[in-house]
């Protein structure tokens, strides 16, 4: 199926999924409509089983609004077209991005609080954001933000 035909079919599926016709699909709407054999068949072609609805929704909801707009839905489904394992790979990719962003925030917080010193970071490789990658130190943390160095 050509890209244009696929997007046209996904637009039709979108409007069939949007039960309350408000221009968005919620997780509950998607979950309920996936039980319909015709809708389920579309998603089977994407390699998405009905037990993966939650994963699919979270993956497609790029702005994390709790509702899929037509663009999020259609272009998200376009990215999933192909082998059945694409959904799992895409979910993993999104999770890795989230972990990376979270680590950047942690490193920036440590830097601004003065908790990362030249002793605990090494020159050389940097993260994607340009911050130095810290090496493990001999310090332990007590869970209250206090570092303890063994004697």
Protein backbone atom coordinates (compact mmCIF):
# COMPACT_ATOMS: atom_id res chain seq x y z
CA UNK A 1 0.00 0.00 0.00
CA UNK A 2 1.41 3.39 -0.99
CA UNK A 3 2.05 6.04 1.66
CA UNK A 4 -0.81 8.27 0.47
CA UNK A 5 -3.29 5.37 0.47
CA UNK A 6 -2.09 4.28 3.90
CA UNK A 7 -2.55 7.79 5.36
CA UNK A 8 -6.02 7.98 3.81
CA UNK A 9 -6.93 4.64 5.39
CA UNK A 10 -5.51 5.76 8.76
CA UNK A 11 -7.52 9.01 8.58
CA UNK A 12 -10.66 6.90 8.10
CA UNK A 13 -9.67 4.68 11.05
CA UNK A 14 -9.02 7.80 13.16
CA UNK A 15 -12.55 9.09 12.63
CA UNK A 16 -13.97 5.63 13.34
CA UNK A 17 -12.02 5.52 16.61
CA UNK A 18 -13.11 9.02 17.66
CA UNK A 19 -16.40 7.82 19.15
CA UNK A 20 -17.42 11.16 20.70
CA UNK A 21 -16.37 13.06 17.55
CA UNK A 22 -14.34 15.67 19.47
CA UNK A 23 -11.32 15.45 17.14
CA UNK A 24 -9.23 13.37 19.53
CA UNK A 25 -8.89 9.74 20.55
CA UNK A 26 -8.51 8.87 24.22
CA UNK A 27 -6.97 5.68 25.56
CA UNK A 28 -10.44 4.43 26.49
CA UNK A 29 -11.84 5.12 23.00
CA UNK A 30 -8.93 3.26 21.45
CA UNK A 31 -9.26 0.36 23.87
CA UNK A 32 -13.01 -0.02 23.25
CA UNK A 33 -12.78 0.28 19.48
CA UNK A 34 -9.90 -2.21 19.20
CA UNK A 35 -12.49 -4.88 20.04
CA UNK A 36 -14.19 -4.19 16.68
CA UNK A 37 -12.91 -6.78 14.16
CA UNK A 38 -12.57 -4.24 11.33
CA UNK A 39 -10.53 -1.83 13.48
CA UNK A 40 -8.52 -4.71 14.92
CA UNK A 41 -7.65 -5.79 11.37
CA UNK A 42 -6.08 -2.40 10.60
CA UNK A 43 -3.88 -2.64 13.66
CA UNK A 44 -3.01 -6.27 12.95
CA UNK A 45 -1.53 -5.06 9.66
CA UNK A 46 0.70 -2.77 11.74
CA UNK A 47 1.69 -5.72 13.91
CA UNK A 48 -0.19 -4.38 16.94
CA UNK A 49 -2.18 -6.83 19.04
CA UNK A 50 -5.13 -5.72 21.15
CA UNK A 51 -3.08 -6.36 24.31
CA UNK A 52 -0.62 -3.67 23.16
CA UNK A 53 -3.18 -0.85 23.07
CA UNK A 54 -1.68 0.93 26.07
CA UNK A 55 1.81 0.85 24.57
CA UNK A 56 0.49 2.00 21.22
CA UNK A 57 -1.40 4.92 22.75
CA UNK A 58 1.58 6.12 24.81
CA UNK A 59 3.81 5.88 21.78
CA UNK A 60 1.47 7.81 19.51
CA UNK A 61 0.64 10.50 22.10
CA UNK A 62 3.79 12.53 21.36
CA UNK A 63 2.64 15.64 23.26
CA UNK A 64 1.48 13.54 26.24
CA UNK A 65 -1.90 15.27 26.24
CA UNK A 66 -3.87 12.09 26.89
CA UNK A 67 -5.57 12.46 23.51
CA UNK A 68 -4.40 11.68 19.98
CA UNK A 69 -5.05 14.27 17.31
CA UNK A 70 -5.33 13.19 13.66
CA UNK A 71 -1.68 14.02 12.85
CA UNK A 72 -0.27 12.16 15.87
CA UNK A 73 -2.36 9.15 14.98
CA UNK A 74 -1.79 9.02 11.22
CA UNK A 75 1.93 9.77 11.17
CA UNK A 76 2.54 7.63 14.24
CA UNK A 77 0.87 4.68 12.52
CA UNK A 78 2.88 5.43 9.38
CA UNK A 79 6.11 5.03 11.37
CA UNK A 80 4.88 1.68 12.71
CA UNK A 81 4.04 0.28 9.31
CA UNK A 82 6.17 -2.74 8.55
CA UNK A 83 7.37 -5.62 10.65
CA UNK A 84 5.45 -6.56 13.79
CA UNK A 85 8.41 -5.70 16.03
CA UNK A 86 8.43 -2.02 15.03
CA UNK A 87 6.11 -1.12 17.92
CA UNK A 88 8.46 -2.59 20.51
CA UNK A 89 11.49 -0.91 18.94
CA UNK A 90 9.68 2.43 18.84
CA UNK A 91 8.60 2.09 22.49
CA UNK A 92 12.17 1.29 23.51
CA UNK A 93 13.45 4.27 21.52
CA UNK A 94 11.01 6.58 23.28
CA UNK A 95 11.97 5.19 26.70
CA UNK A 96 15.68 5.64 25.96
CA UNK A 97 15.02 9.25 24.93
CA UNK A 98 13.15 9.84 28.19
CA UNK A 99 16.01 8.31 30.21
CA UNK A 100 18.54 10.46 28.35
CA UNK A 101 16.55 13.65 28.98
CA UNK A 102 16.14 12.73 32.65
CA UNK A 103 19.86 12.11 33.05
CA UNK A 104 20.64 15.48 31.46
CA UNK A 105 18.37 17.13 34.04
CA UNK A 106 20.07 15.24 36.89
CA UNK A 107 23.56 16.20 35.67
CA UNK A 108 22.53 19.84 35.30
CA UNK A 109 21.06 19.80 38.81
CA UNK A 110 24.22 18.28 40.24
CA UNK A 111 26.33 20.88 38.44
CA UNK A 112 24.19 23.80 39.64
CA UNK A 113 24.24 22.48 43.21
CA UNK A 114 28.01 22.08 43.07
CA UNK A 115 27.79 18.36 43.79
CA UNK A 116 29.83 17.37 40.74
CA UNK A 117 33.49 18.33 40.96
CA UNK A 118 36.57 17.80 38.82
CA UNK A 119 37.38 14.78 41.01
CA UNK A 120 34.15 12.99 40.09
CA UNK A 121 34.16 13.77 36.38
CA UNK A 122 36.68 12.85 33.76
CA UNK A 123 37.89 14.66 30.71
CA UNK A 124 37.08 12.98 27.45
CA UNK A 125 33.78 11.60 26.19
CA UNK A 126 30.73 13.76 26.66
CA UNK A 127 27.02 13.08 26.60
CA UNK A 128 24.89 14.11 23.64
CA UNK A 129 24.17 17.39 25.42
CA UNK A 130 27.87 18.14 25.81
CA UNK A 131 28.07 17.52 29.56
CA UNK A 132 30.99 15.46 30.76
CA UNK A 133 30.19 11.88 31.65
CA UNK A 134 30.99 11.28 35.31
CA UNK A 135 32.97 8.29 36.49
CA UNK A 136 31.99 6.35 39.56
CA UNK A 137 33.54 7.78 42.71
CA UNK A 138 34.28 6.21 46.07
CA UNK A 139 31.56 8.32 47.65
CA UNK A 140 28.25 6.91 48.77
CA UNK A 141 25.01 8.84 49.19
CA UNK A 142 22.88 8.64 52.32
CA UNK A 143 19.63 9.32 50.46
CA UNK A 144 19.39 12.83 51.93
CA UNK A 145 21.72 14.53 49.45
CA UNK A 146 24.86 14.08 51.57
CA UNK A 147 27.94 12.40 50.16
CA UNK A 148 30.12 10.23 52.40
CA UNK A 149 33.72 9.40 51.50
CA UNK A 150 35.13 6.23 53.05
CA UNK A 151 38.06 6.79 55.41
